[in-house]
C-alpha atoms as a PDB file:
ATOM      1  CA  MET A   1      22.224  34.346 -70.961  1.00  0.00           C
ATOM      2  CA  SER A   2      23.947  33.469 -67.912  1.00  0.00           C
ATOM      3  CA  LYS A   3      22.170  32.620 -64.508  1.00  0.00           C
ATOM      4  CA  GLN A   4      23.045  33.587 -61.028  1.00  0.00           C
ATOM      5  CA  TYR A   5      23.095  31.420 -58.125  1.00  0.00           C
ATOM      6  CA  LEU A   6      23.388  32.741 -54.423  1.00  0.00           C
ATOM      7  CA  GLN A   7      24.737  30.945 -51.542  1.00  0.00           C
ATOM      8  CA  THR A   8      21.803  31.016 -49.189  1.00  0.00           C
ATOM      9  CA  HIS A   9      23.077  28.852 -46.471  1.00  0.00           C
ATOM     10  CA  THR A  10      26.168  26.852 -45.115  1.00  0.00           C
ATOM     11  CA  VAL A  11      26.413  24.015 -42.465  1.00  0.00           C
ATOM     12  CA  PRO A  12      30.244  24.419 -41.418  1.00  0.00           C
ATOM     13  CA  GLN A  13      31.939  21.374 -40.176  1.00  0.00           C
ATOM     14  CA  ALA A  14      28.953  19.250 -41.244  1.00  0.00           C
ATOM     15  CA  HIS A  15      31.409  16.289 -40.710  1.00  0.00           C
ATOM     16  CA  PRO A  16      34.825  15.990 -39.082  1.00  0.00           C
ATOM     17  CA  THR A  17      36.355  14.719 -42.359  1.00  0.00           C
ATOM     18  CA  ASP A  18      35.906  15.122 -46.263  1.00  0.00           C
ATOM     19  CA  ILE A  19      32.297  14.621 -47.229  1.00  0.00           C
ATOM     20  CA  PHE A  20      32.562  12.379 -50.292  1.00  0.00           C
ATOM     21  CA  SER A  21      28.908  11.658 -51.082  1.00  0.00           C
ATOM     22  CA  LEU A  22      25.336  13.042 -51.011  1.00  0.00           C
ATOM     23  CA  ALA A  23      22.029  11.594 -51.866  1.00  0.00           C
ATOM     24  CA  VAL A  24      18.510  13.210 -51.773  1.00  0.00           C
ATOM     25  CA  THR A  25      14.935  12.291 -51.019  1.00  0.00           C
ATOM     26  CA  PRO A  26      11.864  14.342 -51.657  1.00  0.00           C
ATOM     27  CA  THR A  27      12.302  15.596 -47.900  1.00  0.00           C
ATOM     28  CA  GLN A  28      15.974  15.240 -47.050  1.00  0.00           C
ATOM     29  CA  LEU A  29      19.769  15.357 -47.626  1.00  0.00           C
ATOM     30  CA  ILE A  30      21.931  12.730 -46.622  1.00  0.00           C
ATOM     31  CA  SER A  31      25.680  13.079 -46.535  1.00  0.00           C
ATOM     32  CA  ALA A  32      28.666  10.558 -45.926  1.00  0.00           C
ATOM     33  CA  SER A  33      32.229  11.189 -45.126  1.00  0.00           C
ATOM     34  CA  GLY A  34      35.586   9.629 -44.075  1.00  0.00           C
ATOM     35  CA  SER A  35      34.067   9.393 -40.419  1.00  0.00           C
ATOM     36  CA  SER A  36      32.116   6.668 -39.359  1.00  0.00           C
ATOM     37  CA  SER A  37      28.499   8.265 -39.063  1.00  0.00           C
ATOM     38  CA  ILE A  38      26.181   9.252 -41.758  1.00  0.00           C
ATOM     39  CA  LYS A  39      24.262  12.636 -41.392  1.00  0.00           C
ATOM     40  CA  VAL A  40      20.518  13.589 -42.546  1.00  0.00           C
ATOM     41  CA  HIS A  41      19.411  17.049 -42.685  1.00  0.00           C
ATOM     42  CA  SER A  42      15.672  17.889 -43.481  1.00  0.00           C
ATOM     43  CA  THR A  43      14.960  19.855 -46.722  1.00  0.00           C
ATOM     44  CA  GLY A  44      11.279  19.809 -46.410  1.00  0.00           C
ATOM     45  CA  ALA A  45       9.390  22.761 -44.584  1.00  0.00           C
ATOM     46  CA  GLY A  46      11.233  25.856 -43.931  1.00  0.00           C
ATOM     47  CA  THR A  47      13.786  25.631 -46.895  1.00  0.00           C
ATOM     48  CA  THR A  48      12.270  28.656 -48.935  1.00  0.00           C
ATOM     49  CA  ILE A  49      14.243  31.654 -48.835  1.00  0.00           C
ATOM     50  CA  HIS A  50      11.849  34.470 -49.608  1.00  0.00           C
ATOM     51  CA  ASN A  51      14.301  37.121 -51.005  1.00  0.00           C
ATOM     52  CA  ASP A  52      17.909  37.446 -52.054  1.00  0.00           C
ATOM     53  CA  SER A  53      19.322  39.084 -49.119  1.00  0.00           C
ATOM     54  CA  ALA A  54      17.634  37.451 -46.232  1.00  0.00           C
ATOM     55  CA  GLU A  55      18.519  34.096 -44.957  1.00  0.00           C
ATOM     56  CA  GLU A  56      16.230  31.892 -42.694  1.00  0.00           C
ATOM     57  CA  GLU A  57      17.562  30.606 -39.427  1.00  0.00           C
ATOM     58  CA  ASN A  58      18.728  27.043 -39.830  1.00  0.00           C
ATOM     59  CA  PRO A  59      16.590  26.145 -42.846  1.00  0.00           C
ATOM     60  CA  PHE A  60      18.145  22.745 -43.222  1.00  0.00           C
ATOM     61  CA  PRO A  61      17.917  21.293 -39.713  1.00  0.00           C
ATOM     62  CA  GLU A  62      20.005  17.948 -38.724  1.00  0.00           C
ATOM     63  CA  ALA A  63      17.194  15.393 -38.393  1.00  0.00           C
ATOM     64  CA  GLN A  64      19.330  12.389 -37.644  1.00  0.00           C
ATOM     65  CA  VAL A  65      22.631  10.840 -37.355  1.00  0.00           C
ATOM     66  CA  LEU A  66      23.264   7.164 -38.218  1.00  0.00           C
ATOM     67  CA  GLU A  67      25.995   6.661 -35.649  1.00  0.00           C
ATOM     68  CA  LYS A  68      29.089   4.277 -36.484  1.00  0.00           C
ATOM     69  CA  ALA A  69      27.346   3.277 -39.757  1.00  0.00           C
ATOM     70  CA  HIS A  70      30.644   2.125 -41.285  1.00  0.00           C
ATOM     71  CA  PRO A  71      33.590   1.946 -38.849  1.00  0.00           C
ATOM     72  CA  LEU A  72      36.256   2.951 -41.603  1.00  0.00           C
ATOM     73  CA  GLY A  73      34.254   5.679 -42.830  1.00  0.00           C
ATOM     74  CA  CYS A  74      31.470   5.904 -45.918  1.00  0.00           C
ATOM     75  CA  HIS A  75      32.555   6.900 -49.460  1.00  0.00           C
ATOM     76  CA  HIS A  76      29.058   6.348 -51.188  1.00  0.00           C
ATOM     77  CA  VAL A  77      25.511   6.936 -50.364  1.00  0.00           C
ATOM     78  CA  CYS A  78      22.312   6.525 -52.563  1.00  0.00           C
ATOM     79  CA  ALA A  79      18.705   6.763 -52.019  1.00  0.00           C
ATOM     80  CA  ALA A  80      15.480   5.743 -54.024  1.00  0.00           C
ATOM     81  CA  SER A  81      14.329   9.167 -55.499  1.00  0.00           C
ATOM     82  CA  GLU A  82      10.806   8.403 -54.309  1.00  0.00           C
ATOM     83  CA  GLY A  83      12.142   7.959 -50.736  1.00  0.00           C
ATOM     84  CA  GLY A  84      11.791   5.161 -48.223  1.00  0.00           C
ATOM     85  CA  VAL A  85      15.185   3.292 -49.057  1.00  0.00           C
ATOM     86  CA  LEU A  86      18.788   4.097 -48.686  1.00  0.00           C
ATOM     87  CA  ALA A  87      22.127   2.374 -49.227  1.00  0.00           C
ATOM     88  CA  SER A  88      25.624   3.161 -48.082  1.00  0.00           C
ATOM     89  CA  VAL A  89      28.977   1.533 -48.486  1.00  0.00           C
ATOM     90  CA  GLY A  90      32.077   2.018 -46.263  1.00  0.00           C
ATOM     91  CA  PHE A  91      35.677   1.438 -46.989  1.00  0.00           C
ATOM     92  CA  GLU A  92      35.599  -2.022 -45.218  1.00  0.00           C
ATOM     93  CA  GLY A  93      33.397  -3.223 -48.317  1.00  0.00           C
ATOM     94  CA  ASP A  94      30.143  -3.752 -46.651  1.00  0.00           C
ATOM     95  CA  VAL A  95      26.895  -2.321 -47.949  1.00  0.00           C
ATOM     96  CA  LYS A  96      24.203  -1.181 -45.463  1.00  0.00           C
ATOM     97  CA  LEU A  97      20.670  -0.961 -46.336  1.00  0.00           C
ATOM     98  CA  TRP A  98      18.263   1.418 -44.468  1.00  0.00           C
ATOM     99  CA  ALA A  99      14.421   1.737 -44.359  1.00  0.00           C
ATOM    100  CA  ALA A 100      12.571   4.834 -43.447  1.00  0.00           C
ATOM    101  CA  GLY A 101       9.846   4.733 -40.824  1.00  0.00           C
ATOM    102  CA  GLU A 102       6.598   6.708 -40.819  1.00  0.00           C
ATOM    103  CA  ASP A 103       8.563   9.501 -38.928  1.00  0.00           C
ATOM    104  CA  ALA A 104      11.047   9.458 -41.687  1.00  0.00           C
ATOM    105  CA  SER A 105      13.818   8.200 -39.609  1.00  0.00           C
ATOM    106  CA  TRP A 106      16.129   5.719 -40.706  1.00  0.00           C
ATOM    107  CA  ALA A 107      16.869   2.166 -39.181  1.00  0.00           C
ATOM    108  CA  GLU A 108      19.235  -0.459 -40.608  1.00  0.00           C
ATOM    109  CA  LYS A 109      17.464  -3.118 -42.527  1.00  0.00           C
ATOM    110  CA  GLY A 110      20.286  -5.322 -43.655  1.00  0.00           C
ATOM    111  CA  CYS A 111      23.799  -5.552 -44.708  1.00  0.00           C
ATOM    112  CA  ILE A 112      25.715  -7.035 -47.749  1.00  0.00           C
ATOM    113  CA  LYS A 113      28.950  -8.272 -46.497  1.00  0.00           C
ATOM    114  CA  GLY A 114      31.792  -7.809 -48.795  1.00  0.00           C
ATOM    115  CA  GLU A 115      34.437 -10.331 -49.140  1.00  0.00           C
ATOM    116  CA  LYS A 116      37.081  -7.686 -48.898  1.00  0.00           C
ATOM    117  CA  ALA A 117      37.851  -3.954 -48.944  1.00  0.00           C
ATOM    118  CA  GLY A 118      36.693  -2.535 -52.407  1.00  0.00           C
ATOM    119  CA  GLU A 119      34.185  -5.446 -52.921  1.00  0.00           C
ATOM    120  CA  HIS A 120      31.565  -2.603 -53.259  1.00  0.00           C
ATOM    121  CA  TRP A 121      32.469   0.741 -54.356  1.00  0.00           C
ATOM    122  CA  ALA A 122      29.969   3.088 -56.186  1.00  0.00           C
ATOM    123  CA  LEU A 123      26.196   2.691 -55.725  1.00  0.00           C
ATOM    124  CA  ALA A 124      22.932   3.611 -57.533  1.00  0.00           C
ATOM    125  CA  MET A 125      19.357   2.574 -56.685  1.00  0.00           C
ATOM    126  CA  SER A 126      16.054   2.534 -58.745  1.00  0.00           C
ATOM    127  CA  SER A 127      13.782   5.147 -58.222  1.00  0.00           C
ATOM    128  CA  GLU A 128      11.263   3.113 -56.124  1.00  0.00           C
ATOM    129  CA  GLY A 129      14.234   1.420 -54.206  1.00  0.00           C
ATOM    130  CA  LYS A 130      13.517  -2.335 -55.251  1.00  0.00           C
ATOM    131  CA  PHE A 131      17.041  -2.723 -57.083  1.00  0.00           C
ATOM    132  CA  LEU A 132      20.479  -1.564 -55.784  1.00  0.00           C
ATOM    133  CA  VAL A 133      23.379  -1.625 -58.207  1.00  0.00           C
ATOM    134  CA  ALA A 134      27.215  -1.746 -56.918  1.00  0.00           C
ATOM    135  CA  THR A 135      30.418  -1.723 -58.690  1.00  0.00           C
ATOM    136  CA  THR A 136      33.377  -3.586 -57.800  1.00  0.00           C
ATOM    137  CA  HIS A 137      37.131  -3.275 -57.804  1.00  0.00           C
ATOM    138  CA  ASP A 138      37.652  -5.900 -60.383  1.00  0.00           C
ATOM    139  CA  GLY A 139      34.916  -4.500 -63.193  1.00  0.00           C
ATOM    140  CA  ARG A 140      31.796  -6.277 -62.040  1.00  0.00           C
ATOM    141  CA  VAL A 141      28.612  -4.504 -61.647  1.00  0.00           C
ATOM    142  CA  ASN A 142      26.290  -6.289 -59.121  1.00  0.00           C
ATOM    143  CA  VAL A 143      22.616  -5.967 -58.818  1.00  0.00           C
ATOM    144  CA  TYR A 144      20.690  -6.627 -55.708  1.00  0.00           C
ATOM    145  CA  ASP A 145      16.886  -7.009 -54.658  1.00  0.00           C
ATOM    146  CA  THR A 146      16.660  -4.973 -51.807  1.00  0.00           C
ATOM    147  CA  THR A 147      13.410  -6.697 -50.838  1.00  0.00           C
ATOM    148  CA  GLN A 148      15.418  -9.850 -50.097  1.00  0.00           C
ATOM    149  CA  ILE A 149      17.874  -8.153 -47.962  1.00  0.00           C
ATOM    150  CA  ASN A 150      17.033  -8.772 -44.339  1.00  0.00           C
ATOM    151  CA  GLY A 151      19.817  -9.100 -41.859  1.00  0.00           C
ATOM    152  CA  GLU A 152      23.175 -10.083 -43.218  1.00  0.00           C
ATOM    153  CA  VAL A 153      23.686 -11.495 -46.333  1.00  0.00           C
ATOM    154  CA  LYS A 154      26.835 -12.337 -48.704  1.00  0.00           C
ATOM    155  CA  ALA A 155      27.870 -10.347 -51.745  1.00  0.00           C
ATOM    156  CA  ALA A 156      27.557 -13.329 -53.922  1.00  0.00           C
ATOM    157  CA  GLN A 157      23.786 -13.197 -53.493  1.00  0.00           C
ATOM    158  CA  THR A 158      23.307 -11.099 -56.564  1.00  0.00           C
ATOM    159  CA  ILE A 159      20.203 -11.364 -58.978  1.00  0.00           C
ATOM    160  CA  THR A 160      22.286  -9.964 -61.836  1.00  0.00           C
ATOM    161  CA  GLN A 161      25.964  -9.385 -62.574  1.00  0.00           C
ATOM    162  CA  PHE A 162      26.906  -7.331 -65.361  1.00  0.00           C
ATOM    163  CA  GLU A 163      30.328  -8.131 -66.872  1.00  0.00           C
ATOM    164  CA  THR A 164      32.890  -5.535 -68.015  1.00  0.00           C
ATOM    165  CA  LYS A 165      36.499  -5.705 -69.122  1.00  0.00           C
ATOM    166  CA  GLY A 166      37.779  -5.813 -65.691  1.00  0.00           C
ATOM    167  CA  SER A 167      38.600  -2.265 -64.745  1.00  0.00           C
ATOM    168  CA  PHE A 168      37.716  -0.641 -61.394  1.00  0.00           C
ATOM    169  CA  GLY A 169      34.011   0.468 -61.368  1.00  0.00           C
ATOM    170  CA  THR A 170      34.510   4.081 -60.213  1.00  0.00           C
ATOM    171  CA  CYS A 171      30.848   5.201 -60.780  1.00  0.00           C
ATOM    172  CA  VAL A 172      27.251   3.931 -61.656  1.00  0.00           C
ATOM    173  CA  ASP A 173      23.849   5.323 -62.239  1.00  0.00           C
ATOM    174  CA  VAL A 174      20.476   3.594 -62.963  1.00  0.00           C
ATOM    175  CA  SER A 175      17.986   5.395 -65.412  1.00  0.00           C
ATOM    176  CA  PRO A 176      14.937   7.013 -63.748  1.00  0.00           C
ATOM    177  CA  ASN A 177      12.652   4.356 -65.778  1.00  0.00           C
ATOM    178  CA  GLY A 178      14.718   1.427 -64.451  1.00  0.00           C
ATOM    179  CA  GLU A 179      15.391   0.243 -67.847  1.00  0.00           C
ATOM    180  CA  MET A 180      19.053   0.846 -67.975  1.00  0.00           C
ATOM    181  CA  THR A 181      22.217   0.890 -65.833  1.00  0.00           C
ATOM    182  CA  ALA A 182      25.335   2.608 -66.715  1.00  0.00           C
ATOM    183  CA  SER A 183      28.985   2.361 -65.322  1.00  0.00           C
ATOM    184  CA  GLY A 184      32.119   4.339 -65.617  1.00  0.00           C
ATOM    185  CA  HIS A 185      35.456   2.755 -64.894  1.00  0.00           C
ATOM    186  CA  GLN A 186      39.155   3.645 -64.194  1.00  0.00           C
ATOM    187  CA  ASN A 187      40.448   2.855 -67.554  1.00  0.00           C
ATOM    188  CA  GLY A 188      38.000   5.552 -69.280  1.00  0.00           C
ATOM    189  CA  SER A 189      35.538   2.986 -70.196  1.00  0.00           C
ATOM    190  CA  VAL A 190      31.679   3.734 -69.910  1.00  0.00           C
ATOM    191  CA  TYR A 191      28.868   1.125 -70.420  1.00  0.00           C
ATOM    192  CA  ILE A 192      25.150   0.962 -70.761  1.00  0.00           C
ATOM    193  CA  PHE A 193      23.476  -2.193 -69.904  1.00  0.00           C
ATOM    194  CA  ASN A 194      19.874  -3.301 -70.571  1.00  0.00           C
ATOM    195  CA  ASN A 195      18.426  -4.287 -67.157  1.00  0.00           C
ATOM    196  CA  SER A 196      15.718  -6.770 -68.896  1.00  0.00           C
ATOM    197  CA  THR A 197      18.125  -8.733 -70.604  1.00  0.00           C
ATOM    198  CA  GLY A 198      21.279  -8.388 -68.586  1.00  0.00           C
ATOM    199  CA  LYS A 199      23.229  -7.665 -71.658  1.00  0.00           C
ATOM    200  CA  MET A 200      25.542  -4.742 -72.538  1.00  0.00           C
ATOM    201  CA  ALA A 201      23.921  -2.286 -74.870  1.00  0.00           C
ATOM    202  CA  HIS A 202      26.499   0.057 -75.620  1.00  0.00           C
ATOM    203  CA  SER A 203      30.303   0.482 -75.153  1.00  0.00           C
ATOM    204  CA  LEU A 204      30.785   4.089 -75.130  1.00  0.00           C
ATOM    205  CA  SER A 205      33.673   5.979 -76.556  1.00  0.00           C
ATOM    206  CA  GLY A 206      35.321   9.483 -76.007  1.00  0.00           C
ATOM    207  CA  LEU A 207      36.836   9.370 -72.488  1.00  0.00           C
ATOM    208  CA  VAL A 208      40.226   7.887 -72.186  1.00  0.00           C
ATOM    209  CA  LYS A 209      40.923   8.776 -68.693  1.00  0.00           C
ATOM    210  CA  PRO A 210      39.488   7.620 -65.437  1.00  0.00           C
ATOM    211  CA  VAL A 211      35.608   8.249 -65.287  1.00  0.00           C
ATOM    212  CA  ARG A 212      34.435   9.717 -61.925  1.00  0.00           C
ATOM    213  CA  ALA A 213      30.613  10.376 -62.459  1.00  0.00           C
ATOM    214  CA  VAL A 214      27.942   8.985 -64.785  1.00  0.00           C
ATOM    215  CA  ALA A 215      24.310  10.473 -64.764  1.00  0.00           C
ATOM    216  CA  PHE A 216      21.197   9.787 -66.778  1.00  0.00           C
ATOM    217  CA  SER A 217      18.925  12.609 -67.571  1.00  0.00           C
ATOM    218  CA  PRO A 218      15.484  12.756 -65.948  1.00  0.00           C
ATOM    219  CA  ALA A 219      13.857  11.521 -69.540  1.00  0.00           C
ATOM    220  CA  ASN A 220      16.290   8.613 -69.961  1.00  0.00           C
ATOM    221  CA  LYS A 221      17.189   9.887 -73.306  1.00  0.00           C
ATOM    222  CA  TYR A 222      20.915  11.090 -72.329  1.00  0.00           C
ATOM    223  CA  LEU A 223      23.758  10.096 -70.171  1.00  0.00           C
ATOM    224  CA  ALA A 224      26.383  12.630 -68.972  1.00  0.00           C
ATOM    225  CA  ALA A 225      29.856  11.000 -68.142  1.00  0.00           C
ATOM    226  CA  ALA A 226      32.927  12.950 -66.897  1.00  0.00           C
ATOM    227  CA  GLY A 227      36.169  12.631 -65.084  1.00  0.00           C
ATOM    228  CA  ASP A 228      39.944  13.088 -65.209  1.00  0.00           C
ATOM    229  CA  ALA A 229      39.672  14.275 -68.846  1.00  0.00           C
ATOM    230  CA  GLN A 230      38.233  17.513 -67.646  1.00  0.00           C
ATOM    231  CA  VAL A 231      35.145  17.238 -70.109  1.00  0.00           C
ATOM    232  CA  ILE A 232      31.443  16.237 -69.908  1.00  0.00           C
ATOM    233  CA  ALA A 233      30.457  13.733 -72.540  1.00  0.00           C
ATOM    234  CA  ILE A 234      26.841  13.546 -73.254  1.00  0.00           C
ATOM    235  CA  TYR A 235      25.585  10.351 -75.069  1.00  0.00           C
ATOM    236  CA  ASP A 236      22.232   9.254 -76.582  1.00  0.00           C
ATOM    237  CA  THR A 237      21.157   6.260 -74.606  1.00  0.00           C
ATOM    238  CA  THR A 238      19.234   4.592 -77.805  1.00  0.00           C
ATOM    239  CA  SER A 239      22.190   4.978 -80.174  1.00  0.00           C
ATOM    240  CA  GLY A 240      25.059   5.171 -78.077  1.00  0.00           C
ATOM    241  CA  GLU A 241      26.116   8.078 -80.149  1.00  0.00           C
ATOM    242  CA  GLN A 242      27.934  10.919 -78.422  1.00  0.00           C
ATOM    243  CA  VAL A 243      25.921  14.102 -79.068  1.00  0.00           C
ATOM    244  CA  THR A 244      28.128  16.830 -77.561  1.00  0.00           C
ATOM    245  CA  THR A 245      30.930  17.599 -75.308  1.00  0.00           C
ATOM    246  CA  LEU A 246      30.854  20.287 -72.532  1.00  0.00           C
ATOM    247  CA  THR A 247      34.220  21.969 -71.973  1.00  0.00           C
ATOM    248  CA  GLY A 248      35.274  24.511 -69.198  1.00  0.00           C
ATOM    249  CA  HIS A 249      36.594  22.873 -66.182  1.00  0.00           C
ATOM    250  CA  ALA A 250      40.113  23.060 -65.643  1.00  0.00           C
ATOM    251  CA  SER A 251      40.362  20.027 -63.205  1.00  0.00           C
ATOM    252  CA  TRP A 252      38.981  16.642 -62.437  1.00  0.00           C
ATOM    253  CA  ILE A 253      35.218  16.535 -62.606  1.00  0.00           C
ATOM    254  CA  MET A 254      34.099  14.475 -59.515  1.00  0.00           C
ATOM    255  CA  SER A 255      30.355  14.616 -59.631  1.00  0.00           C
ATOM    256  CA  LEU A 256      27.266  15.277 -61.904  1.00  0.00           C
ATOM    257  CA  SER A 257      23.629  15.829 -61.038  1.00  0.00           C
ATOM    258  CA  TRP A 258      20.766  16.785 -63.567  1.00  0.00           C
ATOM    259  CA  ASN A 259      17.928  18.875 -62.163  1.00  0.00           C
ATOM    260  CA  PHE A 260      14.513  17.518 -62.408  1.00  0.00           C
ATOM    261  CA  SER A 261      13.533  19.000 -65.685  1.00  0.00           C
ATOM    262  CA  GLY A 262      16.568  17.951 -67.521  1.00  0.00           C
ATOM    263  CA  GLU A 263      17.309  21.529 -68.552  1.00  0.00           C
ATOM    264  CA  TYR A 264      20.438  21.821 -66.474  1.00  0.00           C
ATOM    265  CA  LEU A 265      23.465  19.962 -65.751  1.00  0.00           C
ATOM    266  CA  LEU A 266      25.389  20.604 -62.327  1.00  0.00           C
ATOM    267  CA  SER A 267      29.123  19.502 -62.200  1.00  0.00           C
ATOM    268  CA  GLY A 268      31.604  19.889 -59.273  1.00  0.00           C
ATOM    269  CA  SER A 269      35.557  19.540 -59.632  1.00  0.00           C
ATOM    270  CA  TYR A 270      38.626  18.940 -57.724  1.00  0.00           C
ATOM    271  CA  ASP A 271      39.464  22.360 -57.890  1.00  0.00           C
ATOM    272  CA  GLY A 272      36.387  23.691 -55.909  1.00  0.00           C
ATOM    273  CA  LYS A 273      34.371  24.636 -58.711  1.00  0.00           C
ATOM    274  CA  ALA A 274      30.781  24.038 -59.320  1.00  0.00           C
ATOM    275  CA  LYS A 275      29.105  24.629 -62.989  1.00  0.00           C
ATOM    276  CA  ILE A 276      25.684  24.865 -64.066  1.00  0.00           C
ATOM    277  CA  TRP A 277      25.191  23.924 -67.622  1.00  0.00           C
ATOM    278  CA  SER A 278      22.413  24.609 -70.080  1.00  0.00           C
ATOM    279  CA  PHE A 279      21.653  21.352 -72.083  1.00  0.00           C
ATOM    280  CA  GLU A 280      19.861  23.121 -74.551  1.00  0.00           C
ATOM    281  CA  ARG A 281      22.431  25.802 -75.376  1.00  0.00           C
ATOM    282  CA  ARG A 282      25.288  23.280 -74.714  1.00  0.00           C
ATOM    283  CA  GLU A 283      27.148  25.803 -72.533  1.00  0.00           C
ATOM    284  CA  CYS A 284      27.946  26.824 -68.931  1.00  0.00           C
ATOM    285  CA  VAL A 285      25.709  29.439 -67.450  1.00  0.00           C
ATOM    286  CA  ALA A 286      26.978  29.869 -64.254  1.00  0.00           C
ATOM    287  CA  THR A 287      30.158  28.960 -62.135  1.00  0.00           C
ATOM    288  CA  GLN A 288      30.287  29.025 -58.335  1.00  0.00           C
ATOM    289  CA  THR A 289      33.681  29.021 -56.857  1.00  0.00           C
ATOM    290  CA  GLU A 290      33.101  27.766 -53.116  1.00  0.00           C
ATOM    291  CA  SER A 291      37.029  27.251 -52.363  1.00  0.00           C
ATOM    292  CA  GLU A 292      40.106  25.670 -53.727  1.00  0.00           C
ATOM    293  CA  LYS A 293      39.131  22.568 -52.019  1.00  0.00           C
ATOM    294  CA  CYS A 294      37.882  19.466 -53.856  1.00  0.00           C
ATOM    295  CA  LEU A 295      34.183  19.319 -54.337  1.00  0.00           C
ATOM    296  CA  TRP A 296      33.425  15.530 -53.934  1.00  0.00           C
ATOM    297  CA  ALA A 297      29.771  15.706 -54.268  1.00  0.00           C
ATOM    298  CA  VAL A 298      27.182  18.002 -55.705  1.00  0.00           C
ATOM    299  CA  LYS A 299      23.204  17.511 -55.987  1.00  0.00           C
ATOM    300  CA  TRP A 300      20.014  19.298 -56.899  1.00  0.00           C
ATOM    301  CA  LEU A 301      17.585  19.268 -54.169  1.00  0.00           C
ATOM    302  CA  HIS A 302      13.954  18.505 -54.515  1.00  0.00           C
ATOM    303  CA  LYS A 303      12.018  21.598 -54.929  1.00  0.00           C
ATOM    304  CA  ALA A 304       9.729  22.388 -52.020  1.00  0.00           C
ATOM    305  CA  ALA A 305       6.148  22.920 -52.836  1.00  0.00           C
ATOM    306  CA  ASN A 306       6.479  26.595 -51.819  1.00  0.00           C
ATOM    307  CA  ALA A 307       9.590  27.055 -53.262  1.00  0.00           C
ATOM    308  CA  ARG A 308      10.086  29.486 -56.411  1.00  0.00           C
ATOM    309  CA  ASN A 309      13.508  28.463 -57.492  1.00  0.00           C
ATOM    310  CA  GLU A 310      15.630  25.483 -57.506  1.00  0.00           C
ATOM    311  CA  MET A 311      18.431  24.797 -55.205  1.00  0.00           C
ATOM    312  CA  PHE A 312      21.669  22.753 -55.217  1.00  0.00           C
ATOM    313  CA  VAL A 313      23.883  21.534 -52.445  1.00  0.00           C
ATOM    314  CA  THR A 314      27.816  21.227 -52.558  1.00  0.00           C
ATOM    315  CA  ALA A 315      30.103  19.265 -50.553  1.00  0.00           C
ATOM    316  CA  GLY A 316      33.739  18.130 -50.319  1.00  0.00           C
ATOM    317  CA  ALA A 317      37.072  18.714 -48.456  1.00  0.00           C
ATOM    318  CA  SER A 318      35.860  21.870 -46.766  1.00  0.00           C
ATOM    319  CA  LYS A 319      33.801  19.294 -44.609  1.00  0.00           C
ATOM    320  CA  SER A 320      30.849  21.793 -45.090  1.00  0.00           C
ATOM    321  CA  LEU A 321      27.361  21.798 -46.852  1.00  0.00           C
ATOM    322  CA  SER A 322      26.790  24.665 -49.013  1.00  0.00           C
ATOM    323  CA  PHE A 323      23.176  25.482 -50.352  1.00  0.00           C
ATOM    324  CA  TYR A 324      22.706  27.787 -53.384  1.00  0.00           C
ATOM    325  CA  ARG A 325      19.383  29.016 -54.876  1.00  0.00           C
ATOM    326  CA  GLU A 326      18.792  30.768 -58.234  1.00  0.00           C
ATOM    327  CA  ALA A 327      18.666  34.302 -57.910  1.00  0.00           C
ATOM    328  CA  SER A 328      15.158  35.763 -58.684  1.00  0.00           C
ATOM    329  CA  GLY A 329      14.791  37.222 -62.126  1.00  0.00           C
ATOM    330  CA  THR A 330      17.625  35.113 -63.748  1.00  0.00           C
END
């Protein structure tokens, strides 16, 4: 059975350039683009749409702009799922760490200086925000203790460094239980590391083209990986075996996001299409065609306490934020 999602709200021209990355906390959506500033939108009170035809006035108000966060633009942001800690990385190679105050506004806490552009690329954070993982241009996967980053520190000050075979680390994720880190690479490699031992647990097969996104399921049992091969490979994180392949995209897959129950996987592609996949049925149950412009990032939003249905947001070359909600009765 298919599902229907309605576009309930759009923030046009949310950034002056392509929006490359999205992060969510229980009450906020953070977006990063090729411009120097990072924007924060509230997703807490006022986000519920009460019927399929009515749209609330400005349900996702802009809460804060982190001005001039990265002078050359920002390509990745990540946030602790429990809130309170945010990280961003710019094209200059620096990682900025941000802490949320009592009023939920963000202030810069520290900076990890990159030795050169590309020193840091993709970012991921543990659920409570203590550990930050960053990939590099030469295949390293660096792990930092965010509690030790106050002021400016050097990139060499890692607590752990996972070694791969040297290919550009294009994407990374940390499992919700904090036990595993996964990285995807330009040469098609996907790795799972054990965070306790610091060793590689699995070198995964199945993708031979650049990997653009990796994402652990909420229960930590599965890892989804996708990219230029135009398929989504799902792996069992315990055995390392590929359990299924989801096919249907006709272009590069740029972003992946599991919903919070693990029932559905959201994907965004270079041709502007977002797809929702039922993991149980192993099939696509909805396709949203926003435009022909690339979707760089897609994310499920935390479900508000008074909300009936889940929502997700897409962003990319349109420079806009588009919000979708499951239609009632589907």
